Amino acid sequence: MLNNPAVRSLLQQVVAKPVVGRHAQQLACTVGRNFHSSEPAMEIFMVNSEDDFKNKVMRSPVPVIVNFHAEWCEPCHSLKPLLEKIAQENEGHLHLAEVW
C-alpha cells in the first residue's frame, strides 16, 4: 500500500502540515481558492453504517481514504480540503469516504 503514489503523497502532505489555530486555518482555506459553479469532478461518499462501510470501503476495487470526521475536531476541518484535493487528483484510482 505504501508503494501507491497517491497514498505516499497523502502521507507526506499530512506529516508536513503544521497545526495552526482555527482562524488561521479558515483564512488559509479561503486564500487562493477559485469559485467554481460546476459540480466537483469526483464524488465524496458518506459511510452511514457498518454494512455501508463493508460495501463501499472494504469491497472497493480501488484504495479508499476514510476520513473519520467530527464537527468539533479542528484538525478534521483542516485536513478535509487536502483529502479532497488528493482524491480529485487521483480520480478513478482512489476514493474518499467520510464517517461522521
N, C-alpha and C. Protein backbone atom coordinates (compact mmCIF):
# COMPACT_ATOMS: atom_id res chain seq x y z
N MET A 1 0.82 -1.19 0.00
CA MET A 1 0.00 0.00 0.00
C MET A 1 0.87 1.26 0.00
N LEU A 2 2.01 1.24 0.68
CA LEU A 2 2.89 2.41 0.70
C LEU A 2 3.58 2.62 -0.64
N ASN A 3 3.50 1.63 -1.53
CA ASN A 3 4.06 1.79 -2.87
C ASN A 3 3.14 2.59 -3.76
N ASN A 4 1.88 2.77 -3.36
CA ASN A 4 0.91 3.54 -4.13
C ASN A 4 1.29 5.02 -4.05
N PRO A 5 1.53 5.69 -5.19
CA PRO A 5 1.95 7.09 -5.17
C PRO A 5 0.94 8.01 -4.51
N ALA A 6 -0.35 7.74 -4.65
CA ALA A 6 -1.38 8.59 -4.04
C ALA A 6 -1.30 8.51 -2.52
N VAL A 7 -1.13 7.30 -1.99
CA VAL A 7 -1.04 7.12 -0.54
C VAL A 7 0.23 7.77 -0.02
N ARG A 8 1.34 7.56 -0.74
CA ARG A 8 2.61 8.16 -0.33
C ARG A 8 2.51 9.69 -0.31
N SER A 9 1.88 10.26 -1.34
CA SER A 9 1.69 11.71 -1.41
C SER A 9 0.86 12.21 -0.23
N LEU A 10 -0.21 11.49 0.09
CA LEU A 10 -1.06 11.87 1.21
C LEU A 10 -0.27 11.88 2.51
N LEU A 11 0.48 10.81 2.75
CA LEU A 11 1.24 10.71 3.99
C LEU A 11 2.28 11.83 4.10
N GLN A 12 2.95 12.15 3.00
CA GLN A 12 3.94 13.22 3.03
C GLN A 12 3.30 14.56 3.33
N GLN A 13 2.13 14.82 2.75
CA GLN A 13 1.47 16.10 2.96
C GLN A 13 0.89 16.20 4.36
N VAL A 14 0.36 15.10 4.89
CA VAL A 14 -0.22 15.12 6.22
C VAL A 14 0.87 15.33 7.27
N VAL A 15 1.98 14.63 7.13
CA VAL A 15 3.08 14.74 8.08
C VAL A 15 3.66 16.15 8.04
N ALA A 16 3.71 16.77 6.87
CA ALA A 16 4.31 18.09 6.73
C ALA A 16 3.36 19.23 7.10
N LYS A 17 2.07 18.94 7.30
CA LYS A 17 1.09 20.00 7.56
C LYS A 17 1.16 20.44 9.01
N PRO A 18 1.45 21.73 9.26
CA PRO A 18 1.51 22.21 10.64
C PRO A 18 0.11 22.38 11.22
N VAL A 19 0.01 22.28 12.52
CA VAL A 19 -1.26 22.51 13.20
C VAL A 19 -1.29 23.99 13.59
N VAL A 20 -2.34 24.69 13.14
CA VAL A 20 -2.48 26.11 13.43
C VAL A 20 -3.85 26.37 14.01
N GLY A 21 -4.06 27.59 14.53
CA GLY A 21 -5.34 27.95 15.12
C GLY A 21 -6.47 27.97 14.11
N ARG A 22 -7.70 27.93 14.61
CA ARG A 22 -8.89 27.86 13.76
C ARG A 22 -9.00 29.03 12.79
N HIS A 23 -8.71 30.26 13.25
CA HIS A 23 -8.83 31.43 12.37
C HIS A 23 -7.80 31.37 11.25
N ALA A 24 -6.60 30.94 11.57
CA ALA A 24 -5.56 30.82 10.54
C ALA A 24 -5.94 29.74 9.53
N GLN A 25 -6.54 28.65 10.01
CA GLN A 25 -6.97 27.58 9.11
C GLN A 25 -8.04 28.09 8.16
N GLN A 26 -9.02 28.83 8.69
CA GLN A 26 -10.09 29.35 7.85
C GLN A 26 -9.53 30.30 6.80
N LEU A 27 -8.61 31.16 7.20
CA LEU A 27 -8.01 32.10 6.26
C LEU A 27 -7.22 31.34 5.20
N ALA A 28 -6.45 30.35 5.62
CA ALA A 28 -5.65 29.58 4.67
C ALA A 28 -6.52 28.84 3.68
N CYS A 29 -7.69 28.41 4.11
CA CYS A 29 -8.58 27.67 3.21
C CYS A 29 -9.26 28.59 2.20
N THR A 30 -9.40 29.87 2.50
CA THR A 30 -10.09 30.78 1.59
C THR A 30 -9.14 31.53 0.67
N VAL A 31 -7.91 31.77 1.10
CA VAL A 31 -6.96 32.50 0.27
C VAL A 31 -6.55 31.63 -0.91
N GLY A 32 -6.64 32.18 -2.10
CA GLY A 32 -6.20 31.46 -3.29
C GLY A 32 -7.21 30.47 -3.84
N ARG A 33 -8.38 30.38 -3.25
CA ARG A 33 -9.41 29.48 -3.77
C ARG A 33 -10.18 30.17 -4.89
N ASN A 34 -10.43 29.45 -5.94
CA ASN A 34 -11.23 29.97 -7.04
C ASN A 34 -12.66 29.49 -6.89
N PHE A 35 -13.60 30.32 -7.34
CA PHE A 35 -15.00 29.94 -7.29
C PHE A 35 -15.35 29.16 -8.55
N HIS A 36 -16.01 28.03 -8.36
CA HIS A 36 -16.47 27.22 -9.49
C HIS A 36 -17.94 26.92 -9.28
N SER A 37 -18.74 27.15 -10.33
CA SER A 37 -20.17 26.87 -10.22
C SER A 37 -20.51 25.48 -10.70
N SER A 38 -19.56 24.79 -11.32
CA SER A 38 -19.83 23.43 -11.80
C SER A 38 -19.70 22.43 -10.66
N GLU A 39 -20.24 21.25 -10.88
CA GLU A 39 -20.15 20.18 -9.90
C GLU A 39 -18.70 19.71 -9.80
N PRO A 40 -18.27 19.25 -8.61
CA PRO A 40 -16.90 18.73 -8.50
C PRO A 40 -16.71 17.51 -9.38
N ALA A 41 -15.47 17.29 -9.83
CA ALA A 41 -15.17 16.19 -10.74
C ALA A 41 -15.28 14.83 -10.05
N MET A 42 -15.11 14.78 -8.75
CA MET A 42 -15.22 13.50 -8.06
C MET A 42 -16.24 13.60 -6.94
N GLU A 43 -16.73 12.46 -6.55
CA GLU A 43 -17.76 12.42 -5.52
C GLU A 43 -17.17 11.86 -4.23
N ILE A 44 -17.50 12.50 -3.13
CA ILE A 44 -17.13 12.00 -1.81
C ILE A 44 -18.35 11.26 -1.30
N PHE A 45 -18.16 10.03 -0.85
CA PHE A 45 -19.33 9.32 -0.35
C PHE A 45 -19.30 9.20 1.16
N MET A 46 -20.48 9.22 1.73
CA MET A 46 -20.66 9.11 3.18
C MET A 46 -20.83 7.64 3.55
N VAL A 47 -20.29 7.27 4.69
CA VAL A 47 -20.48 5.93 5.24
C VAL A 47 -21.41 6.08 6.43
N ASN A 48 -22.59 5.46 6.34
CA ASN A 48 -23.63 5.66 7.35
C ASN A 48 -23.86 4.47 8.26
N SER A 49 -23.27 3.32 7.93
CA SER A 49 -23.50 2.13 8.75
C SER A 49 -22.34 1.15 8.55
N GLU A 50 -22.34 0.11 9.35
CA GLU A 50 -21.31 -0.91 9.22
C GLU A 50 -21.41 -1.61 7.86
N ASP A 51 -22.63 -1.90 7.42
CA ASP A 51 -22.82 -2.52 6.10
C ASP A 51 -22.35 -1.59 4.99
N ASP A 52 -22.64 -0.32 5.15
CA ASP A 52 -22.19 0.69 4.19
C ASP A 52 -20.67 0.68 4.10
N PHE A 53 -20.00 0.61 5.25
CA PHE A 53 -18.54 0.58 5.29
C PHE A 53 -18.01 -0.66 4.56
N LYS A 54 -18.62 -1.80 4.84
CA LYS A 54 -18.18 -3.04 4.18
C LYS A 54 -18.35 -2.96 2.67
N ASN A 55 -19.51 -2.46 2.23
CA ASN A 55 -19.81 -2.41 0.80
C ASN A 55 -19.01 -1.35 0.05
N LYS A 56 -18.89 -0.17 0.62
CA LYS A 56 -18.26 0.94 -0.10
C LYS A 56 -16.75 1.02 0.10
N VAL A 57 -16.27 0.60 1.26
CA VAL A 57 -14.84 0.73 1.56
C VAL A 57 -14.11 -0.61 1.40
N MET A 58 -14.54 -1.60 2.14
CA MET A 58 -13.84 -2.89 2.15
C MET A 58 -13.90 -3.61 0.81
N ARG A 59 -14.98 -3.43 0.07
CA ARG A 59 -15.15 -4.13 -1.22
C ARG A 59 -14.81 -3.25 -2.42
N SER A 60 -14.24 -2.11 -2.18
CA SER A 60 -13.89 -1.21 -3.27
C SER A 60 -12.74 -1.79 -4.10
N PRO A 61 -12.84 -1.68 -5.42
CA PRO A 61 -11.76 -2.19 -6.27
C PRO A 61 -10.52 -1.28 -6.25
N VAL A 62 -10.65 -0.08 -5.71
CA VAL A 62 -9.52 0.86 -5.62
C VAL A 62 -9.33 1.26 -4.16
N PRO A 63 -8.15 1.77 -3.79
CA PRO A 63 -7.94 2.21 -2.40
C PRO A 63 -8.93 3.31 -2.01
N VAL A 64 -9.32 3.29 -0.74
CA VAL A 64 -10.26 4.29 -0.22
C VAL A 64 -9.62 4.96 0.99
N ILE A 65 -9.55 6.29 0.94
CA ILE A 65 -9.13 7.06 2.12
C ILE A 65 -10.39 7.29 2.93
N VAL A 66 -10.37 6.93 4.20
CA VAL A 66 -11.54 7.12 5.06
C VAL A 66 -11.23 8.26 6.02
N ASN A 67 -12.04 9.31 5.93
CA ASN A 67 -11.88 10.47 6.80
C ASN A 67 -12.88 10.36 7.94
N PHE A 68 -12.39 10.02 9.12
CA PHE A 68 -13.24 9.98 10.31
C PHE A 68 -13.33 11.41 10.82
N HIS A 69 -14.51 11.97 10.78
CA HIS A 69 -14.71 13.40 10.94
C HIS A 69 -15.64 13.70 12.10
N ALA A 70 -15.37 14.78 12.82
CA ALA A 70 -16.25 15.25 13.88
C ALA A 70 -16.35 16.77 13.77
N GLU A 71 -17.52 17.31 14.03
CA GLU A 71 -17.76 18.75 13.91
C GLU A 71 -16.83 19.56 14.82
N TRP A 72 -16.51 19.04 15.99
CA TRP A 72 -15.69 19.75 16.97
C TRP A 72 -14.18 19.61 16.72
N CYS A 73 -13.80 18.78 15.77
CA CYS A 73 -12.39 18.44 15.53
C CYS A 73 -11.75 19.42 14.54
N GLU A 74 -10.94 20.35 15.05
CA GLU A 74 -10.28 21.33 14.18
C GLU A 74 -9.33 20.70 13.16
N PRO A 75 -8.49 19.72 13.54
CA PRO A 75 -7.64 19.08 12.53
C PRO A 75 -8.45 18.41 11.43
N CYS A 76 -9.64 17.89 11.76
CA CYS A 76 -10.50 17.28 10.74
C CYS A 76 -10.90 18.31 9.69
N HIS A 77 -11.22 19.52 10.13
CA HIS A 77 -11.63 20.58 9.21
C HIS A 77 -10.46 21.00 8.31
N SER A 78 -9.26 21.06 8.86
CA SER A 78 -8.12 21.48 8.06
C SER A 78 -7.64 20.37 7.12
N LEU A 79 -7.88 19.13 7.47
CA LEU A 79 -7.45 18.00 6.65
C LEU A 79 -8.38 17.75 5.47
N LYS A 80 -9.67 18.06 5.62
CA LYS A 80 -10.66 17.74 4.59
C LYS A 80 -10.31 18.30 3.21
N PRO A 81 -9.94 19.60 3.06
CA PRO A 81 -9.60 20.10 1.72
C PRO A 81 -8.41 19.38 1.09
N LEU A 82 -7.45 18.99 1.90
CA LEU A 82 -6.29 18.26 1.40
C LEU A 82 -6.71 16.88 0.88
N LEU A 83 -7.55 16.19 1.63
CA LEU A 83 -8.03 14.88 1.20
C LEU A 83 -8.84 14.99 -0.08
N GLU A 84 -9.69 16.01 -0.18
CA GLU A 84 -10.49 16.22 -1.39
C GLU A 84 -9.59 16.48 -2.59
N LYS A 85 -8.56 17.28 -2.40
CA LYS A 85 -7.63 17.59 -3.48
C LYS A 85 -6.92 16.33 -3.96
N ILE A 86 -6.45 15.51 -3.04
CA ILE A 86 -5.76 14.28 -3.40
C ILE A 86 -6.70 13.34 -4.14
N ALA A 87 -7.96 13.24 -3.68
CA ALA A 87 -8.93 12.39 -4.35
C ALA A 87 -9.23 12.90 -5.76
N GLN A 88 -9.33 14.22 -5.93
CA GLN A 88 -9.58 14.79 -7.26
C GLN A 88 -8.40 14.54 -8.19
N GLU A 89 -7.20 14.69 -7.68
CA GLU A 89 -6.00 14.48 -8.50
C GLU A 89 -5.84 13.02 -8.90
N ASN A 90 -6.45 12.11 -8.15
CA ASN A 90 -6.32 10.67 -8.41
C ASN A 90 -7.67 10.05 -8.76
N GLU A 91 -8.54 10.84 -9.38
CA GLU A 91 -9.88 10.38 -9.72
C GLU A 91 -9.82 9.09 -10.53
N GLY A 92 -10.62 8.13 -10.12
CA GLY A 92 -10.64 6.83 -10.78
C GLY A 92 -9.65 5.84 -10.19
N HIS A 93 -8.66 6.33 -9.46
CA HIS A 93 -7.64 5.46 -8.87
C HIS A 93 -7.72 5.45 -7.35
N LEU A 94 -8.56 6.31 -6.80
CA LEU A 94 -8.63 6.49 -5.35
C LEU A 94 -10.00 7.05 -5.00
N HIS A 95 -10.60 6.57 -3.93
CA HIS A 95 -11.89 7.07 -3.47
C HIS A 95 -11.72 7.71 -2.10
N LEU A 96 -12.68 8.58 -1.75
CA LEU A 96 -12.67 9.24 -0.45
C LEU A 96 -14.01 8.99 0.22
N ALA A 97 -13.97 8.48 1.44
CA ALA A 97 -15.18 8.23 2.22
C ALA A 97 -15.13 9.05 3.50
N GLU A 98 -16.30 9.51 3.95
CA GLU A 98 -16.38 10.25 5.21
C GLU A 98 -17.26 9.50 6.19
N VAL A 99 -16.78 9.42 7.41
CA VAL A 99 -17.54 8.82 8.50
C VAL A 99 -17.71 9.90 9.56
N TRP A 100 -18.95 10.26 9.86
CA TRP A 100 -19.25 11.28 10.87
C TRP A 100 -19.62 10.63 12.16
